[in-house]
Amino acid sequence: MIHFGMPTLIECPGFRESLDLCNELGLSFVEINMNLPEYQIGVLDVSNMKIMLDDSGLSLTIHLDENLNICDFNPLIANAYMETILNTITIAKQMDIPILNMHMSEGVYFTLPDRKEFLFEKYSSFYLERLYEFRTLCEEAIGENDITICIENCGPYRDFQKEGIELLFESSCFGLTFDIGHDYYADNANEQFILAHRDKLKHMHIHDANRNGNHLVLGTGEIDIASKLEIAKHNNYRCVLETKTIEGLKQSVRRLHEYEIY
């Protein structure tokens, strides 16, 4: 059975509003978005949120700040991002949150006459050492708790990113998020890599797309939604219906009955 959830929407960023909308639509969870000021470390009232969550009967996943770059060459920046993730793991343990969704930064690149020179590739030893340290700290913080940090595909994975992800995969604390719209925009460059690591695939972002737009209502773009839901169906994944508006989310929920997913 697929567990469908909703993202944090800019039209109702409040936690109570999100829970109410999630229940109204018959969904199972909310993916709270730590890019928003309401969900920053130090702002979150975890005790009150836990009471509201328990009353709602719903669960949560967390979308980590998209700017996270734990391999930044500036140690002050990298360590701040690392501390943010460790603090988020603490919150996840307190609230029984199983999935932390994370973008894998490709870092800075220099544009040369004939190519892009990615600094993480140029300085690969530093990059991999930093990821190893990140992996170790996350393992220690998560311990025996059922928490997975899932790497989401954005643009096409670079070879050095794939190497870094596979290094993280040496730990059971790391997995994959398959964002089908992002992959569409990357000319399906990531699907083979993702499905080759199907045992690490834990989470999906489901939305339609075409060449003029992303995060569209299901069935209004060019993605074969049914085939993607089939992947999720056989593995009981959590799937965020990642449209960006309340109306778009409602339309996507209504369209779910068109797919043979149950």
C-alpha atoms as a PDB file:
ATOM      1  CA  MET A   1       0.000   0.000   0.000  1.00  0.00           C
ATOM      2  CA  ILE A   2       1.289   3.455  -0.896  1.00  0.00           C
ATOM      3  CA  HIS A   3       1.247   6.071   1.846  1.00  0.00           C
ATOM      4  CA  PHE A   4       0.421   9.429   0.260  1.00  0.00           C
ATOM      5  CA  GLY A   5       1.337  12.717   1.875  1.00  0.00           C
ATOM      6  CA  MET A   6       1.496  16.419   1.123  1.00  0.00           C
ATOM      7  CA  PRO A   7       4.264  19.007   1.112  1.00  0.00           C
ATOM      8  CA  THR A   8       4.277  22.179   3.172  1.00  0.00           C
ATOM      9  CA  LEU A   9       2.443  24.734   1.043  1.00  0.00           C
ATOM     10  CA  ILE A  10       3.153  28.450   1.040  1.00  0.00           C
ATOM     11  CA  GLU A  11      -0.616  29.051   1.203  1.00  0.00           C
ATOM     12  CA  CYS A  12      -0.845  27.273   4.568  1.00  0.00           C
ATOM     13  CA  PRO A  13       2.625  27.119   6.110  1.00  0.00           C
ATOM     14  CA  GLY A  14       1.326  26.760   9.674  1.00  0.00           C
ATOM     15  CA  PHE A  15       1.642  23.337  11.231  1.00  0.00           C
ATOM     16  CA  ARG A  16      -1.997  23.131  12.374  1.00  0.00           C
ATOM     17  CA  GLU A  17      -3.206  24.299   8.950  1.00  0.00           C
ATOM     18  CA  SER A  18      -1.137  21.626   7.227  1.00  0.00           C
ATOM     19  CA  LEU A  19      -2.404  18.857   9.490  1.00  0.00           C
ATOM     20  CA  ASP A  20      -6.008  19.944   8.989  1.00  0.00           C
ATOM     21  CA  LEU A  21      -5.655  20.013   5.196  1.00  0.00           C
ATOM     22  CA  CYS A  22      -3.885  16.640   5.212  1.00  0.00           C
ATOM     23  CA  ASN A  23      -6.747  15.071   7.162  1.00  0.00           C
ATOM     24  CA  GLU A  24      -9.361  16.789   4.995  1.00  0.00           C
ATOM     25  CA  LEU A  25      -7.817  15.204   1.893  1.00  0.00           C
ATOM     26  CA  GLY A  26      -7.468  11.756   3.444  1.00  0.00           C
ATOM     27  CA  LEU A  27      -3.668  11.737   3.224  1.00  0.00           C
ATOM     28  CA  SER A  28      -1.296  10.073   5.682  1.00  0.00           C
ATOM     29  CA  PHE A  29       1.505  12.525   6.372  1.00  0.00           C
ATOM     30  CA  VAL A  30       2.898  16.024   5.939  1.00  0.00           C
ATOM     31  CA  GLU A  31       6.439  16.718   4.748  1.00  0.00           C
ATOM     32  CA  ILE A  32       7.454  19.796   6.721  1.00  0.00           C
ATOM     33  CA  ASN A  33       9.834  22.059   4.851  1.00  0.00           C
ATOM     34  CA  MET A  34      12.804  23.479   6.745  1.00  0.00           C
ATOM     35  CA  ASN A  35      13.364  26.196   4.146  1.00  0.00           C
ATOM     36  CA  LEU A  36      10.479  28.081   5.788  1.00  0.00           C
ATOM     37  CA  PRO A  37      11.006  30.317   8.837  1.00  0.00           C
ATOM     38  CA  GLU A  38       8.282  28.438  10.747  1.00  0.00           C
ATOM     39  CA  TYR A  39      10.368  25.257  10.712  1.00  0.00           C
ATOM     40  CA  GLN A  40      13.785  26.487  11.770  1.00  0.00           C
ATOM     41  CA  ILE A  41      15.772  24.923  14.598  1.00  0.00           C
ATOM     42  CA  GLY A  42      15.106  27.045  17.665  1.00  0.00           C
ATOM     43  CA  VAL A  43      11.691  28.100  16.382  1.00  0.00           C
ATOM     44  CA  LEU A  44      10.026  24.692  16.367  1.00  0.00           C
ATOM     45  CA  ASP A  45       7.907  24.005  19.449  1.00  0.00           C
ATOM     46  CA  VAL A  46       8.422  20.257  19.378  1.00  0.00           C
ATOM     47  CA  SER A  47       6.318  19.480  22.457  1.00  0.00           C
ATOM     48  CA  ASN A  48       3.279  21.339  21.131  1.00  0.00           C
ATOM     49  CA  MET A  49       3.778  19.936  17.627  1.00  0.00           C
ATOM     50  CA  LYS A  50       3.867  16.416  19.028  1.00  0.00           C
ATOM     51  CA  ILE A  51       0.550  16.959  20.824  1.00  0.00           C
ATOM     52  CA  MET A  52      -1.062  18.255  17.625  1.00  0.00           C
ATOM     53  CA  LEU A  53       0.447  15.414  15.615  1.00  0.00           C
ATOM     54  CA  ASP A  54      -0.802  12.743  18.027  1.00  0.00           C
ATOM     55  CA  ASP A  55      -4.290  14.293  17.972  1.00  0.00           C
ATOM     56  CA  SER A  56      -4.316  14.305  14.166  1.00  0.00           C
ATOM     57  CA  GLY A  57      -3.406  10.632  13.741  1.00  0.00           C
ATOM     58  CA  LEU A  58      -0.948  11.648  11.009  1.00  0.00           C
ATOM     59  CA  SER A  59       2.812  11.273  10.640  1.00  0.00           C
ATOM     60  CA  LEU A  60       5.592  13.505   9.334  1.00  0.00           C
ATOM     61  CA  THR A  61       8.603  13.505   7.100  1.00  0.00           C
ATOM     62  CA  ILE A  62      11.081  16.385   6.910  1.00  0.00           C
ATOM     63  CA  HIS A  63      12.433  18.171   3.849  1.00  0.00           C
ATOM     64  CA  LEU A  64      15.808  19.545   4.923  1.00  0.00           C
ATOM     65  CA  ASP A  65      16.912  23.010   3.808  1.00  0.00           C
ATOM     66  CA  GLU A  66      17.709  22.863   0.096  1.00  0.00           C
ATOM     67  CA  ASN A  67      20.875  24.917   0.613  1.00  0.00           C
ATOM     68  CA  LEU A  68      22.531  22.305   2.820  1.00  0.00           C
ATOM     69  CA  ASN A  69      26.095  21.701   1.727  1.00  0.00           C
ATOM     70  CA  ILE A  70      28.010  19.742   4.311  1.00  0.00           C
ATOM     71  CA  CYS A  71      31.023  19.579   1.965  1.00  0.00           C
ATOM     72  CA  ASP A  72      31.477  23.343   1.627  1.00  0.00           C
ATOM     73  CA  PHE A  73      35.158  24.263   1.648  1.00  0.00           C
ATOM     74  CA  ASN A  74      34.482  26.913   4.305  1.00  0.00           C
ATOM     75  CA  PRO A  75      34.424  24.920   7.573  1.00  0.00           C
ATOM     76  CA  LEU A  76      32.237  27.496   9.335  1.00  0.00           C
ATOM     77  CA  ILE A  77      29.535  27.042   6.702  1.00  0.00           C
ATOM     78  CA  ALA A  78      29.903  23.267   6.445  1.00  0.00           C
ATOM     79  CA  ASN A  79      29.824  22.803  10.210  1.00  0.00           C
ATOM     80  CA  ALA A  80      26.716  24.964  10.558  1.00  0.00           C
ATOM     81  CA  TYR A  81      24.941  22.747   8.023  1.00  0.00           C
ATOM     82  CA  MET A  82      26.186  19.651   9.804  1.00  0.00           C
ATOM     83  CA  GLU A  83      24.936  20.926  13.155  1.00  0.00           C
ATOM     84  CA  THR A  84      21.572  21.692  11.552  1.00  0.00           C
ATOM     85  CA  ILE A  85      21.223  18.096  10.368  1.00  0.00           C
ATOM     86  CA  LEU A  86      22.255  16.654  13.727  1.00  0.00           C
ATOM     87  CA  ASN A  87      19.719  18.887  15.491  1.00  0.00           C
ATOM     88  CA  THR A  88      17.070  17.777  13.008  1.00  0.00           C
ATOM     89  CA  ILE A  89      17.869  14.134  13.758  1.00  0.00           C
ATOM     90  CA  THR A  90      17.220  14.900  17.429  1.00  0.00           C
ATOM     91  CA  ILE A  91      13.803  16.326  16.507  1.00  0.00           C
ATOM     92  CA  ALA A  92      13.090  13.301  14.316  1.00  0.00           C
ATOM     93  CA  LYS A  93      13.803  10.990  17.241  1.00  0.00           C
ATOM     94  CA  GLN A  94      11.531  13.000  19.524  1.00  0.00           C
ATOM     95  CA  MET A  95       8.644  12.918  17.023  1.00  0.00           C
ATOM     96  CA  ASP A  96       9.141   9.448  15.477  1.00  0.00           C
ATOM     97  CA  ILE A  97       9.854  10.927  12.034  1.00  0.00           C
ATOM     98  CA  PRO A  98      11.220   8.179   9.753  1.00  0.00           C
ATOM     99  CA  ILE A  99      12.406  10.143   6.695  1.00  0.00           C
ATOM    100  CA  LEU A 100      14.647  13.186   6.305  1.00  0.00           C
ATOM    101  CA  ASN A 101      14.723  14.285   2.666  1.00  0.00           C
ATOM    102  CA  MET A 102      17.957  15.925   1.485  1.00  0.00           C
ATOM    103  CA  HIS A 103      19.286  17.472  -1.708  1.00  0.00           C
ATOM    104  CA  MET A 104      22.828  16.456  -2.718  1.00  0.00           C
ATOM    105  CA  SER A 105      24.700  19.660  -3.542  1.00  0.00           C
ATOM    106  CA  GLU A 106      26.819  19.638  -6.674  1.00  0.00           C
ATOM    107  CA  GLY A 107      28.767  22.593  -5.279  1.00  0.00           C
ATOM    108  CA  VAL A 108      30.486  25.351  -7.222  1.00  0.00           C
ATOM    109  CA  TYR A 109      31.838  24.919 -10.733  1.00  0.00           C
ATOM    110  CA  PHE A 110      34.124  26.963 -12.967  1.00  0.00           C
ATOM    111  CA  THR A 111      32.953  27.472 -16.529  1.00  0.00           C
ATOM    112  CA  LEU A 112      35.852  26.819 -18.907  1.00  0.00           C
ATOM    113  CA  PRO A 113      35.720  27.231 -22.700  1.00  0.00           C
ATOM    114  CA  ASP A 114      34.992  23.551 -23.258  1.00  0.00           C
ATOM    115  CA  ARG A 115      33.459  22.284 -20.005  1.00  0.00           C
ATOM    116  CA  LYS A 116      32.307  22.894 -16.458  1.00  0.00           C
ATOM    117  CA  GLU A 117      34.922  22.090 -13.830  1.00  0.00           C
ATOM    118  CA  PHE A 118      33.167  21.024 -10.622  1.00  0.00           C
ATOM    119  CA  LEU A 119      35.255  21.737  -7.563  1.00  0.00           C
ATOM    120  CA  PHE A 120      33.988  18.678  -5.694  1.00  0.00           C
ATOM    121  CA  GLU A 121      35.281  16.576  -8.579  1.00  0.00           C
ATOM    122  CA  LYS A 122      38.569  18.471  -8.765  1.00  0.00           C
ATOM    123  CA  TYR A 123      39.082  18.094  -5.013  1.00  0.00           C
ATOM    124  CA  SER A 124      37.489  14.677  -4.719  1.00  0.00           C
ATOM    125  CA  SER A 125      39.582  13.538  -1.747  1.00  0.00           C
ATOM    126  CA  PHE A 126      38.306  16.421   0.349  1.00  0.00           C
ATOM    127  CA  TYR A 127      34.749  15.816  -0.873  1.00  0.00           C
ATOM    128  CA  LEU A 128      34.718  12.116  -0.021  1.00  0.00           C
ATOM    129  CA  GLU A 129      36.449  12.633   3.328  1.00  0.00           C
ATOM    130  CA  ARG A 130      33.809  15.159   4.293  1.00  0.00           C
ATOM    131  CA  LEU A 131      31.002  12.794   3.250  1.00  0.00           C
ATOM    132  CA  TYR A 132      32.599  10.000   5.266  1.00  0.00           C
ATOM    133  CA  GLU A 133      32.661  12.279   8.323  1.00  0.00           C
ATOM    134  CA  PHE A 134      29.037  13.252   7.656  1.00  0.00           C
ATOM    135  CA  ARG A 135      28.010   9.607   7.392  1.00  0.00           C
ATOM    136  CA  THR A 136      29.754   8.718  10.652  1.00  0.00           C
ATOM    137  CA  LEU A 137      28.209  11.585  12.609  1.00  0.00           C
ATOM    138  CA  CYS A 138      24.739  10.775  11.296  1.00  0.00           C
ATOM    139  CA  GLU A 139      25.133   7.087  12.197  1.00  0.00           C
ATOM    140  CA  GLU A 140      26.122   8.035  15.735  1.00  0.00           C
ATOM    141  CA  ALA A 141      23.215  10.476  16.062  1.00  0.00           C
ATOM    142  CA  ILE A 142      20.582   8.105  14.647  1.00  0.00           C
ATOM    143  CA  GLY A 143      21.765   5.050  16.546  1.00  0.00           C
ATOM    144  CA  GLU A 144      19.100   2.321  16.632  1.00  0.00           C
ATOM    145  CA  ASN A 145      16.279   4.678  15.660  1.00  0.00           C
ATOM    146  CA  ASP A 146      14.269   4.034  12.493  1.00  0.00           C
ATOM    147  CA  ILE A 147      15.383   7.160  10.620  1.00  0.00           C
ATOM    148  CA  THR A 148      16.641   7.303   7.037  1.00  0.00           C
ATOM    149  CA  ILE A 149      18.241  10.316   5.367  1.00  0.00           C
ATOM    150  CA  CYS A 150      17.034  10.073   1.775  1.00  0.00           C
ATOM    151  CA  ILE A 151      18.957  11.789  -1.016  1.00  0.00           C
ATOM    152  CA  GLU A 152      16.632  13.416  -3.551  1.00  0.00           C
ATOM    153  CA  ASN A 153      17.547  13.683  -7.225  1.00  0.00           C
ATOM    154  CA  CYS A 154      17.406  17.245  -8.567  1.00  0.00           C
ATOM    155  CA  GLY A 155      19.413  17.715 -11.761  1.00  0.00           C
ATOM    156  CA  PRO A 156      21.297  14.812 -13.336  1.00  0.00           C
ATOM    157  CA  TYR A 157      23.684  13.231 -10.857  1.00  0.00           C
ATOM    158  CA  ARG A 158      27.330  13.941 -11.673  1.00  0.00           C
ATOM    159  CA  ASP A 159      29.745  11.031 -11.425  1.00  0.00           C
ATOM    160  CA  PHE A 160      31.318  12.443  -8.259  1.00  0.00           C
ATOM    161  CA  GLN A 161      27.848  12.727  -6.696  1.00  0.00           C
ATOM    162  CA  LYS A 162      27.118   9.089  -7.499  1.00  0.00           C
ATOM    163  CA  GLU A 163      30.402   8.096  -5.889  1.00  0.00           C
ATOM    164  CA  GLY A 164      29.520  10.158  -2.831  1.00  0.00           C
ATOM    165  CA  ILE A 165      26.017   8.701  -2.587  1.00  0.00           C
ATOM    166  CA  GLU A 166      27.370   5.165  -2.803  1.00  0.00           C
ATOM    167  CA  LEU A 167      29.783   5.993   0.013  1.00  0.00           C
ATOM    168  CA  LEU A 168      26.803   7.102   2.106  1.00  0.00           C
ATOM    169  CA  PHE A 169      24.969   3.901   1.157  1.00  0.00           C
ATOM    170  CA  GLU A 170      27.531   1.893   3.090  1.00  0.00           C
ATOM    171  CA  SER A 171      25.418   2.940   6.060  1.00  0.00           C
ATOM    172  CA  SER A 172      21.832   1.772   6.602  1.00  0.00           C
ATOM    173  CA  CYS A 173      21.018   5.329   7.710  1.00  0.00           C
ATOM    174  CA  PHE A 174      20.956   6.580   4.100  1.00  0.00           C
ATOM    175  CA  GLY A 175      18.533   5.975   1.265  1.00  0.00           C
ATOM    176  CA  LEU A 176      17.046   7.562  -1.842  1.00  0.00           C
ATOM    177  CA  THR A 177      14.118   9.777  -2.731  1.00  0.00           C
ATOM    178  CA  PHE A 178      12.931   9.457  -6.336  1.00  0.00           C
ATOM    179  CA  ASP A 179      11.516  12.771  -7.566  1.00  0.00           C
ATOM    180  CA  ILE A 180       9.875  11.841 -10.864  1.00  0.00           C
ATOM    181  CA  GLY A 181       9.424  15.425 -12.054  1.00  0.00           C
ATOM    182  CA  HIS A 182      13.039  16.340 -11.467  1.00  0.00           C
ATOM    183  CA  ASP A 183      14.072  13.230 -13.346  1.00  0.00           C
ATOM    184  CA  TYR A 184      11.819  14.191 -16.253  1.00  0.00           C
ATOM    185  CA  TYR A 185      13.640  17.534 -16.476  1.00  0.00           C
ATOM    186  CA  ALA A 186      16.973  15.703 -16.363  1.00  0.00           C
ATOM    187  CA  ASP A 187      15.883  13.641 -19.412  1.00  0.00           C
ATOM    188  CA  ASN A 188      15.451  10.600 -17.142  1.00  0.00           C
ATOM    189  CA  ALA A 189      19.165  10.625 -16.417  1.00  0.00           C
ATOM    190  CA  ASN A 190      18.775   9.404 -12.836  1.00  0.00           C
ATOM    191  CA  GLU A 191      16.188   6.641 -13.041  1.00  0.00           C
ATOM    192  CA  GLN A 192      18.678   3.920 -13.989  1.00  0.00           C
ATOM    193  CA  PHE A 193      20.960   4.825 -11.070  1.00  0.00           C
ATOM    194  CA  ILE A 194      18.024   5.020  -8.666  1.00  0.00           C
ATOM    195  CA  LEU A 195      16.472   1.715  -9.698  1.00  0.00           C
ATOM    196  CA  ALA A 196      19.888   0.037  -9.643  1.00  0.00           C
ATOM    197  CA  HIS A 197      19.807   0.905  -5.922  1.00  0.00           C
ATOM    198  CA  ARG A 198      16.178  -0.053  -5.447  1.00  0.00           C
ATOM    199  CA  ASP A 199      16.982  -1.489  -2.027  1.00  0.00           C
ATOM    200  CA  LYS A 200      17.854   2.056  -0.947  1.00  0.00           C
ATOM    201  CA  LEU A 201      14.757   3.689  -2.421  1.00  0.00           C
ATOM    202  CA  LYS A 202      12.467   4.657   0.479  1.00  0.00           C
ATOM    203  CA  HIS A 203      10.578   7.778  -0.545  1.00  0.00           C
ATOM    204  CA  MET A 204       9.115   9.422  -3.654  1.00  0.00           C
ATOM    205  CA  HIS A 205       7.985  12.864  -4.767  1.00  0.00           C
ATOM    206  CA  ILE A 206       5.101  12.444  -7.195  1.00  0.00           C
ATOM    207  CA  HIS A 207       3.970  15.222  -9.537  1.00  0.00           C
ATOM    208  CA  ASP A 208       3.526  15.699 -13.251  1.00  0.00           C
ATOM    209  CA  ALA A 209       5.647  17.823 -15.578  1.00  0.00           C
ATOM    210  CA  ASN A 210       6.063  18.961 -19.144  1.00  0.00           C
ATOM    211  CA  ARG A 211       8.624  21.155 -20.850  1.00  0.00           C
ATOM    212  CA  ASN A 212       6.783  24.277 -19.728  1.00  0.00           C
ATOM    213  CA  GLY A 213       6.411  23.460 -16.064  1.00  0.00           C
ATOM    214  CA  ASN A 214       7.060  21.175 -13.117  1.00  0.00           C
ATOM    215  CA  HIS A 215       5.090  20.198 -10.009  1.00  0.00           C
ATOM    216  CA  LEU A 216       1.925  19.905 -12.091  1.00  0.00           C
ATOM    217  CA  VAL A 217      -1.326  18.169 -11.177  1.00  0.00           C
ATOM    218  CA  LEU A 218      -1.243  14.433 -11.857  1.00  0.00           C
ATOM    219  CA  GLY A 219      -2.347  13.618 -15.388  1.00  0.00           C
ATOM    220  CA  THR A 220      -1.788  17.120 -16.784  1.00  0.00           C
ATOM    221  CA  GLY A 221       1.787  16.628 -17.996  1.00  0.00           C
ATOM    222  CA  GLU A 222       3.867  14.109 -19.919  1.00  0.00           C
ATOM    223  CA  ILE A 223       5.043  11.714 -17.197  1.00  0.00           C
ATOM    224  CA  ASP A 224       3.756   8.139 -17.136  1.00  0.00           C
ATOM    225  CA  ILE A 225       2.404   8.494 -13.605  1.00  0.00           C
ATOM    226  CA  ALA A 226       0.960   4.962 -13.509  1.00  0.00           C
ATOM    227  CA  SER A 227       4.357   3.348 -14.078  1.00  0.00           C
ATOM    228  CA  LYS A 228       5.942   5.445 -11.326  1.00  0.00           C
ATOM    229  CA  LEU A 229       3.164   4.602  -8.879  1.00  0.00           C
ATOM    230  CA  GLU A 230       3.687   0.940  -9.741  1.00  0.00           C
ATOM    231  CA  ILE A 231       7.238   1.256  -8.389  1.00  0.00           C
ATOM    232  CA  ALA A 232       5.879   2.678  -5.141  1.00  0.00           C
ATOM    233  CA  LYS A 233       2.985   0.217  -4.902  1.00  0.00           C
ATOM    234  CA  HIS A 234       5.170  -2.871  -4.604  1.00  0.00           C
ATOM    235  CA  ASN A 235       7.391  -1.375  -1.937  1.00  0.00           C
ATOM    236  CA  ASN A 236       4.985   0.557   0.326  1.00  0.00           C
ATOM    237  CA  TYR A 237       6.828   3.819  -0.186  1.00  0.00           C
ATOM    238  CA  ARG A 238       5.762   7.142   1.223  1.00  0.00           C
ATOM    239  CA  CYS A 239       4.851   9.406  -1.694  1.00  0.00           C
ATOM    240  CA  VAL A 240       4.538  13.169  -1.402  1.00  0.00           C
ATOM    241  CA  LEU A 241       2.032  14.628  -3.884  1.00  0.00           C
ATOM    242  CA  GLU A 242       4.337  17.542  -4.550  1.00  0.00           C
ATOM    243  CA  THR A 243       2.193  20.229  -6.134  1.00  0.00           C
ATOM    244  CA  LYS A 244       2.710  23.793  -4.926  1.00  0.00           C
ATOM    245  CA  THR A 245      -0.852  24.997  -4.343  1.00  0.00           C
ATOM    246  CA  ILE A 246      -3.828  23.810  -2.312  1.00  0.00           C
ATOM    247  CA  GLU A 247      -5.994  23.552  -5.413  1.00  0.00           C
ATOM    248  CA  GLY A 248      -3.316  21.604  -7.287  1.00  0.00           C
ATOM    249  CA  LEU A 249      -3.003  19.213  -4.369  1.00  0.00           C
ATOM    250  CA  LYS A 250      -6.761  18.693  -4.214  1.00  0.00           C
ATOM    251  CA  GLN A 251      -6.886  17.976  -7.941  1.00  0.00           C
ATOM    252  CA  SER A 252      -4.036  15.468  -7.680  1.00  0.00           C
ATOM    253  CA  VAL A 253      -5.786  13.665  -4.817  1.00  0.00           C
ATOM    254  CA  ARG A 254      -8.982  13.460  -6.866  1.00  0.00           C
ATOM    255  CA  ARG A 255      -7.059  12.015  -9.806  1.00  0.00           C
ATOM    256  CA  LEU A 256      -5.505   9.206  -7.783  1.00  0.00           C
ATOM    257  CA  HIS A 257      -8.561   7.024  -8.380  1.00  0.00           C
ATOM    258  CA  GLU A 258      -7.634   6.945 -12.096  1.00  0.00           C
ATOM    259  CA  TYR A 259      -4.563   4.851 -11.298  1.00  0.00           C
ATOM    260  CA  GLU A 260      -4.783   1.220 -10.213  1.00  0.00           C
ATOM    261  CA  ILE A 261      -2.758   1.618  -7.065  1.00  0.00           C
ATOM    262  CA  TYR A 262      -4.716  -0.350  -4.473  1.00  0.00           C
END
